[in-house]
Amino acid sequence: MFDVGRSFFNMFDILRFKKICLSQQYRRTGGRIEAIICCINHLTLTNQEISVTTRALKYRTIDHTADFGLQVFGTDIKELFTNAACAMYDQITEIDSLQGMDEYTIHVTGSDLPDLMVNWLREILYMWTGKEKLVKTVHILSITKNKLSARVKYDTYNSDRHIIKTEIKAVTYHQIEVNQRPDGWESKIIFDV
């Protein structure tokens, strides 16, 4: 196994995901399944040397009566909001099947960080539920406590190519949290399914 940031890959995984932007692995932590998604930016294989540059996106699902939730982590506020959007779309579709050929810029406002998180995820979710666009990547251009601008890359839905895993109806304010911790940022979001 190779230690890549805080993620672990074996040789098979690295070779398998060489051409795929997003890959997913699971590990058991404290009785819960934690998803670790790594965006593979660069891979070099020379003899026995392996070099992988990654950006780890971390989240875990939360059990909730009749709904489901995500607990999302980030080293800074931009990474937290990026990880929240990617985690939500990871629940909706197989991200590795997307090409992300089209781009769209999003501007969102909110009264505070929790409101901004809900409005951000609602806007990103609307791309799927209202426009049949599946988001592959997110790049936060700027963020303050009540304003966010981002560029997303997406695919228009094609039933022959894309798999829908979960239909999310709405992002809710129920138990919404966005908190700064000593080791980074954390958010809890509940979705209506």
C-alpha atoms as a PDB file:
ATOM      1  CA  MET A   1       0.000   0.000   0.000  1.00  0.00           C
ATOM      2  CA  PHE A   2       1.058   3.559  -0.675  1.00  0.00           C
ATOM      3  CA  ASP A   3       0.350   6.416   1.717  1.00  0.00           C
ATOM      4  CA  VAL A   4      -1.077   9.303  -0.326  1.00  0.00           C
ATOM      5  CA  GLY A   5      -1.803  12.154   2.028  1.00  0.00           C
ATOM      6  CA  ARG A   6      -4.243  10.582   4.447  1.00  0.00           C
ATOM      7  CA  SER A   7      -5.514   8.041   1.885  1.00  0.00           C
ATOM      8  CA  PHE A   8      -4.182   4.579   1.136  1.00  0.00           C
ATOM      9  CA  PHE A   9      -3.954   2.969  -2.286  1.00  0.00           C
ATOM     10  CA  ASN A  10      -2.540  -0.313  -3.463  1.00  0.00           C
ATOM     11  CA  MET A  11      -0.889  -0.714  -6.871  1.00  0.00           C
ATOM     12  CA  PHE A  12      -4.096  -2.064  -8.460  1.00  0.00           C
ATOM     13  CA  ASP A  13      -6.034   1.022  -7.344  1.00  0.00           C
ATOM     14  CA  ILE A  14      -3.440   3.431  -8.690  1.00  0.00           C
ATOM     15  CA  LEU A  15      -3.282   1.733 -12.080  1.00  0.00           C
ATOM     16  CA  ARG A  16      -7.067   1.422 -12.255  1.00  0.00           C
ATOM     17  CA  PHE A  17      -7.658   5.109 -11.590  1.00  0.00           C
ATOM     18  CA  LYS A  18      -4.806   6.505 -13.672  1.00  0.00           C
ATOM     19  CA  LYS A  19      -7.167   8.038 -16.246  1.00  0.00           C
ATOM     20  CA  ILE A  20     -10.058   8.794 -13.884  1.00  0.00           C
ATOM     21  CA  CYS A  21     -10.283  12.150 -12.142  1.00  0.00           C
ATOM     22  CA  LEU A  22     -12.255  10.977  -9.120  1.00  0.00           C
ATOM     23  CA  SER A  23     -11.891   7.648  -7.423  1.00  0.00           C
ATOM     24  CA  GLN A  24     -13.454   6.386  -4.252  1.00  0.00           C
ATOM     25  CA  GLN A  25     -12.353   4.065  -1.496  1.00  0.00           C
ATOM     26  CA  TYR A  26     -13.875   3.225   1.839  1.00  0.00           C
ATOM     27  CA  ARG A  27     -12.372   2.418   5.216  1.00  0.00           C
ATOM     28  CA  ARG A  28     -14.019   1.550   8.495  1.00  0.00           C
ATOM     29  CA  THR A  29     -13.427   4.142  11.231  1.00  0.00           C
ATOM     30  CA  GLY A  30     -15.007   3.939  14.664  1.00  0.00           C
ATOM     31  CA  GLY A  31     -17.902   1.775  13.510  1.00  0.00           C
ATOM     32  CA  ARG A  32     -18.764   4.079  10.592  1.00  0.00           C
ATOM     33  CA  ILE A  33     -17.898   3.905   6.924  1.00  0.00           C
ATOM     34  CA  GLU A  34     -15.884   6.963   5.918  1.00  0.00           C
ATOM     35  CA  ALA A  35     -15.606   7.770   2.235  1.00  0.00           C
ATOM     36  CA  ILE A  36     -12.333   9.149   1.026  1.00  0.00           C
ATOM     37  CA  ILE A  37     -12.400  10.574  -2.438  1.00  0.00           C
ATOM     38  CA  CYS A  38      -9.134  11.530  -4.066  1.00  0.00           C
ATOM     39  CA  CYS A  39      -8.824  13.717  -7.095  1.00  0.00           C
ATOM     40  CA  ILE A  40      -5.835  12.317  -8.941  1.00  0.00           C
ATOM     41  CA  ASN A  41      -4.088  15.284 -10.521  1.00  0.00           C
ATOM     42  CA  HIS A  42      -0.861  13.633 -11.612  1.00  0.00           C
ATOM     43  CA  LEU A  43       0.491  10.086 -11.751  1.00  0.00           C
ATOM     44  CA  THR A  44       3.996   9.006 -12.717  1.00  0.00           C
ATOM     45  CA  LEU A  45       5.068   5.358 -12.889  1.00  0.00           C
ATOM     46  CA  THR A  46       8.780   4.683 -13.415  1.00  0.00           C
ATOM     47  CA  ASN A  47      10.101   1.206 -12.498  1.00  0.00           C
ATOM     48  CA  GLN A  48       9.163   0.922  -8.832  1.00  0.00           C
ATOM     49  CA  GLU A  49       8.743   4.633  -8.117  1.00  0.00           C
ATOM     50  CA  ILE A  50       5.223   5.918  -7.806  1.00  0.00           C
ATOM     51  CA  SER A  51       4.394   9.591  -7.499  1.00  0.00           C
ATOM     52  CA  VAL A  52       0.805  10.671  -6.950  1.00  0.00           C
ATOM     53  CA  THR A  53      -0.299  14.228  -6.311  1.00  0.00           C
ATOM     54  CA  THR A  54      -3.767  14.278  -4.793  1.00  0.00           C
ATOM     55  CA  ARG A  55      -6.270  16.528  -3.130  1.00  0.00           C
ATOM     56  CA  ALA A  56      -8.140  14.465  -0.538  1.00  0.00           C
ATOM     57  CA  LEU A  57     -11.853  15.192  -0.274  1.00  0.00           C
ATOM     58  CA  LYS A  58     -13.297  13.762   2.897  1.00  0.00           C
ATOM     59  CA  TYR A  59     -16.804  13.164   4.074  1.00  0.00           C
ATOM     60  CA  ARG A  60     -18.924  10.568   5.789  1.00  0.00           C
ATOM     61  CA  THR A  61     -22.616   9.783   5.524  1.00  0.00           C
ATOM     62  CA  ILE A  62     -24.860  10.299   8.548  1.00  0.00           C
ATOM     63  CA  ASP A  63     -27.883   8.120   9.285  1.00  0.00           C
ATOM     64  CA  HIS A  64     -31.030  10.215   9.700  1.00  0.00           C
ATOM     65  CA  THR A  65     -34.683   9.207   9.946  1.00  0.00           C
ATOM     66  CA  ALA A  66     -36.218   9.149   6.419  1.00  0.00           C
ATOM     67  CA  ASP A  67     -33.411  11.362   5.114  1.00  0.00           C
ATOM     68  CA  PHE A  68     -29.648  11.177   4.987  1.00  0.00           C
ATOM     69  CA  GLY A  69     -26.866  13.534   5.913  1.00  0.00           C
ATOM     70  CA  LEU A  70     -23.241  14.261   5.208  1.00  0.00           C
ATOM     71  CA  GLN A  71     -20.506  15.297   7.573  1.00  0.00           C
ATOM     72  CA  VAL A  72     -17.921  17.081   5.437  1.00  0.00           C
ATOM     73  CA  PHE A  73     -14.368  18.132   6.276  1.00  0.00           C
ATOM     74  CA  GLY A  74     -11.908  20.622   4.780  1.00  0.00           C
ATOM     75  CA  THR A  75      -8.580  22.147   5.684  1.00  0.00           C
ATOM     76  CA  ASP A  76      -9.954  25.603   4.831  1.00  0.00           C
ATOM     77  CA  ILE A  77     -13.338  27.120   4.005  1.00  0.00           C
ATOM     78  CA  LYS A  78     -12.860  26.790   0.208  1.00  0.00           C
ATOM     79  CA  GLU A  79     -12.048  23.099   0.525  1.00  0.00           C
ATOM     80  CA  LEU A  80     -15.037  22.564   2.839  1.00  0.00           C
ATOM     81  CA  PHE A  81     -17.502  24.037   0.318  1.00  0.00           C
ATOM     82  CA  THR A  82     -15.820  22.168  -2.546  1.00  0.00           C
ATOM     83  CA  ASN A  83     -15.953  18.885  -0.627  1.00  0.00           C
ATOM     84  CA  ALA A  84     -19.622  19.413   0.267  1.00  0.00           C
ATOM     85  CA  ALA A  85     -20.598  19.792  -3.405  1.00  0.00           C
ATOM     86  CA  CYS A  86     -18.464  16.823  -4.496  1.00  0.00           C
ATOM     87  CA  ALA A  87     -19.789  14.660  -1.658  1.00  0.00           C
ATOM     88  CA  MET A  88     -23.393  15.470  -2.617  1.00  0.00           C
ATOM     89  CA  TYR A  89     -22.762  14.614  -6.285  1.00  0.00           C
ATOM     90  CA  ASP A  90     -20.942  11.455  -5.240  1.00  0.00           C
ATOM     91  CA  GLN A  91     -24.244  10.366  -3.688  1.00  0.00           C
ATOM     92  CA  ILE A  92     -26.168  11.275  -6.867  1.00  0.00           C
ATOM     93  CA  THR A  93     -24.002   9.724  -9.586  1.00  0.00           C
ATOM     94  CA  GLU A  94     -20.829   7.883 -10.530  1.00  0.00           C
ATOM     95  CA  ILE A  95     -18.549  10.907 -10.808  1.00  0.00           C
ATOM     96  CA  ASP A  96     -15.861   8.938 -12.649  1.00  0.00           C
ATOM     97  CA  SER A  97     -18.241   8.447 -15.597  1.00  0.00           C
ATOM     98  CA  LEU A  98     -18.490  12.228 -16.125  1.00  0.00           C
ATOM     99  CA  GLN A  99     -16.281  14.110 -18.563  1.00  0.00           C
ATOM    100  CA  GLY A 100     -16.841  17.680 -17.321  1.00  0.00           C
ATOM    101  CA  MET A 101     -16.580  19.276 -20.760  1.00  0.00           C
ATOM    102  CA  ASP A 102     -18.927  22.224 -20.089  1.00  0.00           C
ATOM    103  CA  GLU A 103     -18.437  25.045 -17.566  1.00  0.00           C
ATOM    104  CA  TYR A 104     -20.798  27.234 -15.592  1.00  0.00           C
ATOM    105  CA  THR A 105     -20.101  30.016 -13.084  1.00  0.00           C
ATOM    106  CA  ILE A 106     -22.286  30.213  -9.976  1.00  0.00           C
ATOM    107  CA  HIS A 107     -22.751  33.157  -7.587  1.00  0.00           C
ATOM    108  CA  VAL A 108     -24.509  32.505  -4.264  1.00  0.00           C
ATOM    109  CA  THR A 109     -25.262  34.641  -1.199  1.00  0.00           C
ATOM    110  CA  GLY A 110     -26.302  33.833   2.363  1.00  0.00           C
ATOM    111  CA  SER A 111     -26.788  35.588   5.682  1.00  0.00           C
ATOM    112  CA  ASP A 112     -24.000  33.551   7.343  1.00  0.00           C
ATOM    113  CA  LEU A 113     -21.880  30.446   6.607  1.00  0.00           C
ATOM    114  CA  PRO A 114     -24.615  27.858   7.358  1.00  0.00           C
ATOM    115  CA  ASP A 115     -27.089  29.750   5.149  1.00  0.00           C
ATOM    116  CA  LEU A 116     -24.419  30.083   2.454  1.00  0.00           C
ATOM    117  CA  MET A 117     -23.758  26.317   2.595  1.00  0.00           C
ATOM    118  CA  VAL A 118     -27.459  25.490   2.151  1.00  0.00           C
ATOM    119  CA  ASN A 119     -27.870  28.017  -0.692  1.00  0.00           C
ATOM    120  CA  TRP A 120     -24.666  26.768  -2.362  1.00  0.00           C
ATOM    121  CA  LEU A 121     -25.752  23.135  -2.278  1.00  0.00           C
ATOM    122  CA  ARG A 122     -29.282  24.036  -3.398  1.00  0.00           C
ATOM    123  CA  GLU A 123     -27.874  25.888  -6.410  1.00  0.00           C
ATOM    124  CA  ILE A 124     -25.570  22.979  -7.269  1.00  0.00           C
ATOM    125  CA  LEU A 125     -28.422  20.481  -6.752  1.00  0.00           C
ATOM    126  CA  TYR A 126     -30.686  22.578  -9.027  1.00  0.00           C
ATOM    127  CA  MET A 127     -28.222  21.977 -11.853  1.00  0.00           C
ATOM    128  CA  TRP A 128     -29.305  18.324 -11.655  1.00  0.00           C
ATOM    129  CA  THR A 129     -32.971  18.563 -10.647  1.00  0.00           C
ATOM    130  CA  GLY A 130     -33.836  21.580 -12.815  1.00  0.00           C
ATOM    131  CA  LYS A 131     -31.393  21.444 -15.721  1.00  0.00           C
ATOM    132  CA  GLU A 132     -30.283  17.765 -15.867  1.00  0.00           C
ATOM    133  CA  LYS A 133     -26.603  18.738 -15.508  1.00  0.00           C
ATOM    134  CA  LEU A 134     -24.292  16.464 -13.491  1.00  0.00           C
ATOM    135  CA  VAL A 135     -21.392  18.246 -11.788  1.00  0.00           C
ATOM    136  CA  LYS A 136     -17.953  16.660 -12.074  1.00  0.00           C
ATOM    137  CA  THR A 137     -15.647  19.282 -10.554  1.00  0.00           C
ATOM    138  CA  VAL A 138     -15.954  22.449  -8.509  1.00  0.00           C
ATOM    139  CA  HIS A 139     -13.494  25.330  -8.236  1.00  0.00           C
ATOM    140  CA  ILE A 140     -14.320  27.979  -5.621  1.00  0.00           C
ATOM    141  CA  LEU A 141     -13.208  31.316  -7.095  1.00  0.00           C
ATOM    142  CA  SER A 142     -13.947  33.406  -3.999  1.00  0.00           C
ATOM    143  CA  ILE A 143     -15.755  33.005  -0.688  1.00  0.00           C
ATOM    144  CA  THR A 144     -16.645  35.234   2.253  1.00  0.00           C
ATOM    145  CA  LYS A 145     -19.000  34.572   5.165  1.00  0.00           C
ATOM    146  CA  ASN A 146     -21.988  35.534   2.974  1.00  0.00           C
ATOM    147  CA  LYS A 147     -20.911  35.349  -0.673  1.00  0.00           C
ATOM    148  CA  LEU A 148     -19.499  32.613  -2.906  1.00  0.00           C
ATOM    149  CA  SER A 149     -18.449  32.414  -6.556  1.00  0.00           C
ATOM    150  CA  ALA A 150     -17.475  29.118  -8.166  1.00  0.00           C
ATOM    151  CA  ARG A 151     -16.838  27.528 -11.539  1.00  0.00           C
ATOM    152  CA  VAL A 152     -18.232  24.042 -12.067  1.00  0.00           C
ATOM    153  CA  LYS A 153     -17.582  21.564 -14.836  1.00  0.00           C
ATOM    154  CA  TYR A 154     -20.493  19.326 -15.763  1.00  0.00           C
ATOM    155  CA  ASP A 155     -22.082  16.917 -18.231  1.00  0.00           C
ATOM    156  CA  THR A 156     -25.619  17.088 -19.558  1.00  0.00           C
ATOM    157  CA  TYR A 157     -27.380  13.910 -18.412  1.00  0.00           C
ATOM    158  CA  ASN A 158     -27.343  11.007 -20.865  1.00  0.00           C
ATOM    159  CA  SER A 159     -29.140   7.841 -19.706  1.00  0.00           C
ATOM    160  CA  ASP A 160     -26.838   5.700 -21.865  1.00  0.00           C
ATOM    161  CA  ARG A 161     -23.709   6.990 -20.097  1.00  0.00           C
ATOM    162  CA  HIS A 162     -24.694   8.159 -16.625  1.00  0.00           C
ATOM    163  CA  ILE A 163     -25.843   6.208 -13.589  1.00  0.00           C
ATOM    164  CA  ILE A 164     -28.100   7.869 -11.024  1.00  0.00           C
ATOM    165  CA  LYS A 165     -27.546   6.311  -7.594  1.00  0.00           C
ATOM    166  CA  THR A 166     -29.736   8.532  -5.388  1.00  0.00           C
ATOM    167  CA  GLU A 167     -32.360  11.150  -6.093  1.00  0.00           C
ATOM    168  CA  ILE A 168     -31.934  14.039  -3.659  1.00  0.00           C
ATOM    169  CA  LYS A 169     -35.065  16.197  -3.397  1.00  0.00           C
ATOM    170  CA  ALA A 170     -33.711  19.054  -1.285  1.00  0.00           C
ATOM    171  CA  VAL A 171     -30.972  20.437   0.919  1.00  0.00           C
ATOM    172  CA  THR A 172     -32.470  21.284   4.325  1.00  0.00           C
ATOM    173  CA  TYR A 173     -31.686  23.689   7.160  1.00  0.00           C
ATOM    174  CA  HIS A 174     -32.352  20.895   9.659  1.00  0.00           C
ATOM    175  CA  GLN A 175     -29.305  20.591  11.965  1.00  0.00           C
ATOM    176  CA  ILE A 176     -27.102  22.568   9.526  1.00  0.00           C
ATOM    177  CA  GLU A 177     -23.650  23.282  10.911  1.00  0.00           C
ATOM    178  CA  VAL A 178     -20.536  24.979   9.547  1.00  0.00           C
ATOM    179  CA  ASN A 179     -17.766  25.132  12.132  1.00  0.00           C
ATOM    180  CA  GLN A 180     -14.093  25.942  12.255  1.00  0.00           C
ATOM    181  CA  ARG A 181     -12.103  23.394  14.280  1.00  0.00           C
ATOM    182  CA  PRO A 182      -8.467  23.528  15.418  1.00  0.00           C
ATOM    183  CA  ASP A 183      -7.527  21.140  12.581  1.00  0.00           C
ATOM    184  CA  GLY A 184      -9.740  22.615   9.846  1.00  0.00           C
ATOM    185  CA  TRP A 185     -13.412  23.051   8.960  1.00  0.00           C
ATOM    186  CA  GLU A 186     -16.415  20.755   9.343  1.00  0.00           C
ATOM    187  CA  SER A 187     -20.028  20.885   8.169  1.00  0.00           C
ATOM    188  CA  LYS A 188     -23.107  18.770   8.779  1.00  0.00           C
ATOM    189  CA  ILE A 189     -25.859  18.823   6.136  1.00  0.00           C
ATOM    190  CA  ILE A 190     -29.166  16.907   6.019  1.00  0.00           C
ATOM    191  CA  PHE A 191     -30.831  16.114   2.686  1.00  0.00           C
ATOM    192  CA  ASP A 192     -34.430  15.217   1.855  1.00  0.00           C
ATOM    193  CA  VAL A 193     -34.526  12.110  -0.369  1.00  0.00           C
END
